[in-house]
Amino acid sequence: MSEPATFPRGGAAYLLLALATLSLLAGLGLRDPSPPDEPRFVLAARAMVESGQWLFPHRGTEFYAEKPPVFMWMQAAAYQVVGHWRVAFLLPSLLAALLTLWLTHDLAARLWNRRAGQYAALGLFVCLQFGLQAKRGQIDMVLVALTTLSLYGLLRHLLRGPNWPLAWLGFFAAGLGTVTKGVGFLPLLVLLPWVALRWSRRPHLPARVAGDGWRWLLALLCFIAGAGVWVAPMLVAVGASTDPAFHAYASEILFKQTGKRYAGAWHHVQPFWYFAQVMATLWLPGVLLLPWLLPAWWRRVRRGDPRLWLLLGWSILVLAFFSASPGKREVYIFPMLPALCVAAGALLPGLLRRAWVQRTLLGYLLALSITLGALALAGLLDASDWAGKLAAQRDIAPETLRTFLYWLLGFGAASLAVVAWARTRRIGSAVVLVTALLWTTYGFGLAPTLNADSSARKLMQRVGERIGPQAQLGMVAWREQNLLQADRPAVDFGFKASWQDQWTAAARWLREDPPGRWLFVLDKALSPCVDRAQVVDIGVSNRNRWLLVPGTALDPDCRTPSFDGQTIEVP
């Protein structure tokens, strides 16, 4: 009897990988940067292109010292190639996602076989967090590409070596990852389970990998070279400058945003078990297979399989590293996902033949399709107020909301059609097809439909129309998307500066030409020195209400006091 066709083999699997690639490409260039992170990176990249200053990224007039500039270099370089910010800001993440898929496939194929490589890559694609990050203009997808590249080089050296050029590549990629986002060094932790494995004298490890101390020293130099791509010229420039702002920048980026942020996080504070809920949601549907994967992994680890010993041992170390810090975000453990998919690749063909695995994945597809389709239908028929609340909170026009709901309903219907075709016999193919449908719908429909609202483009267009083409625009208590989407060069008075200090600087600026200058202000940051009768309520965007203050509305003899609870709600 032939086995159920749960998943295609050979060329058909590569066809699904091609479909996955096309779904990640879907919608490229159809939307603008949206909060919370995308606009600030594009602001910094745009400033690099316009000013020629690439070592020290800026957010408006201030240094942006929360992240190293490597990712912003990539966006700026992409813009210089394609000449279009809507494409350029997403291109680094897209290319990083494709590289990660290839590395996952090739590593699993080399450690096991080609079929394991196909399953590992497709298993990574169907996990929700991978697609979310592949289609976002954020650092994390590029970081994961670099950590996966580093692991790729190190594991091929440690398990199939010696291969010192790949080991050196792994160390260099870890160094480059460290100056892309501070935790890029994490792949080097794989040396700890490798050392433990050697001490236990397990067989099947390549000979001579542990020798040649000068080669390990060269590997360390490769890590330093990778990190030095930015750190070295930055430190040279800081040392040559007498401006205290440059020294403050270096201190914050090298110390506060790394060790201090890890040990004493001041935001995103979460409980120790936080990442369990991240896996239970963002790692769907892969996490649903853990009841079968965990026992299978454990049996092989007990037998001393060095491949799983290193892949799973490294993943546990990464999880422990981030769980120990009080500050946690869902993307922190994202680098684990490709490694776990490599570890699962050889097991998935057998698992997908099991009836309960097939039923579990079928239940996931039905829940996803029916839930999203039902939500869309309820919103269209006014049977539920969830859509209305969303529209009011985001100032979304009724026709825009209807278009969004139709796209969502279309996804639900198409997904149910795929499930009806596949049932349990083609469940692997169905999971890939539905995931591809999801990201295609997002790229061509959901994201472009909400783009004007989510990116603040609609709000800033209203601002431009209200103040007229000749007026000058200043900003107080602003967000990055507002400055990015302004239809003219806008003046800012600092981003991290207190609202009181921003008003002090803004008052001096307004006094130079009160009739020809306006301020764009968060409602909670409105100064008591302003004549409220002249204030224009310009609307809601990203869950905040914004005001326009003409220069004539500010009392020049009044001094703005300090504000309590200086906050802006983050989208």
Foldseek 3Di string as FASTA:
>chain_A
DDFFQQDDDDPVLVVLVVLLLVLLVFQQLLFDAFDDPLLQLQQQLVCCLVPVDQQFTDQFPATDQQAFNPLSVQLNVQCVVVVGNSNSLLVLLQVLLVLLLVLLLVLLCVLPRNQLSSQLSLLLSLQQLSSVRSRHSDLLSNLLSLLSQLLSLVCCCWQVDVDLVSNLSSLLSLLLSCNSPNRSVLSVCLVVLSVVLVVVVDPRTDPPSPDDVVSVVSSNVSSVVNNCVRPVVLVVVLVVDPDVSSVVSCCCNVPVSHPVCQAPNPDQFDALCVQVVLCVPRRPPVSVCCVVVVVVLVVVVVVPPVLSSSLVVSLVVQSVSNSPGRHDDSSSSVSSSSSVSSVCSVVVVVQLSDPVSLVSLLVVLLCQLCVQLVVLVCVVVVVDCPLVVVCVQQVNDPVLSNQLSVLSNVLSVVLVVLCVVPPSSHSSSSSSVSSSSVSNSVSHGNCSSCRCRRLVLVLLVLVDVVLDDQAAEEEAQDHSSNCVNHPDNHHYQDHPDFSLSRVVVVLVVCVVPQQRYKYKYFPLSDFPQFQVVQKAFSAHGQSTTIIMGGSVRGDSVDRGDGDPPSDDDTD
